[in-house]
Amino acid sequence: MTLYIAQFTAKHRLIQVEENSVFMWRQESGDIDNSMLADKIKRESSIHFFNMIG
């Protein structure tokens, strides 16, 4: 298994606020599963952040 680390930055368009997150995960294949990473970001970080802002 390979360990991957990704940094994610979300910026709000109307107000000056941003979120910075770092994600770590392991997966078997050598290619990054982009859909899995996008789901992980939405599920674990950005939805909570933008709900808090709203």
Protein backbone atom coordinates (compact mmCIF):
# COMPACT_ATOMS: atom_id res chain seq x y z
CA MET A 1 0.00 0.00 0.00
CA THR A 2 1.12 3.52 -0.78
CA LEU A 3 0.64 6.47 1.58
CA TYR A 4 -0.55 9.66 -0.10
CA ILE A 5 -0.70 13.17 1.36
CA ALA A 6 -2.75 15.98 -0.24
CA GLN A 7 -3.25 19.61 0.73
CA PHE A 8 -6.63 21.16 0.06
CA THR A 9 -7.53 24.88 0.14
CA ALA A 10 -11.10 26.18 -0.12
CA LYS A 11 -11.83 29.89 -0.51
CA HIS A 12 -15.24 31.50 -0.23
CA ARG A 13 -16.13 33.74 -3.19
CA LEU A 14 -18.04 36.41 -1.28
CA ILE A 15 -16.30 36.76 2.07
CA GLN A 16 -12.61 36.60 2.89
CA VAL A 17 -12.36 33.23 4.56
CA GLU A 18 -10.52 30.09 3.58
CA GLU A 19 -9.98 26.58 4.85
CA ASN A 20 -6.73 24.65 4.63
CA SER A 21 -6.77 20.90 5.17
CA VAL A 22 -4.31 18.05 4.80
CA PHE A 23 -5.51 14.56 3.97
CA MET A 24 -3.60 11.30 4.28
CA TRP A 25 -4.80 7.99 2.90
CA ARG A 26 -3.52 4.64 1.71
CA GLN A 27 -4.52 2.82 -1.41
CA GLU A 28 -3.31 -0.22 -3.26
CA SER A 29 -2.82 1.04 -6.80
CA GLY A 30 -0.10 3.44 -7.88
CA ASP A 31 -2.53 5.93 -9.46
CA ILE A 32 -4.45 8.39 -7.30
CA ASP A 33 -8.19 7.71 -7.27
CA ASN A 34 -9.45 11.26 -7.92
CA SER A 35 -13.11 10.48 -7.27
CA MET A 36 -12.26 8.89 -3.91
CA LEU A 37 -10.17 11.94 -2.95
CA ALA A 38 -12.93 14.38 -3.98
CA ASP A 39 -15.50 12.41 -1.94
CA LYS A 40 -13.15 12.36 1.06
CA ILE A 41 -12.65 16.14 0.88
CA LYS A 42 -16.40 16.78 0.62
CA ARG A 43 -17.31 14.31 3.36
CA GLU A 44 -14.64 15.17 5.92
CA SER A 45 -13.94 18.84 5.46
CA SER A 46 -15.54 21.23 3.02
CA ILE A 47 -19.21 20.48 3.74
CA HIS A 48 -18.71 21.17 7.46
CA PHE A 49 -16.68 24.29 6.73
CA PHE A 50 -19.22 25.83 4.36
CA ASN A 51 -22.17 24.87 6.61
CA MET A 52 -20.44 26.73 9.44
CA ILE A 53 -19.94 29.80 7.21
CA GLY A 54 -23.57 29.68 6.00
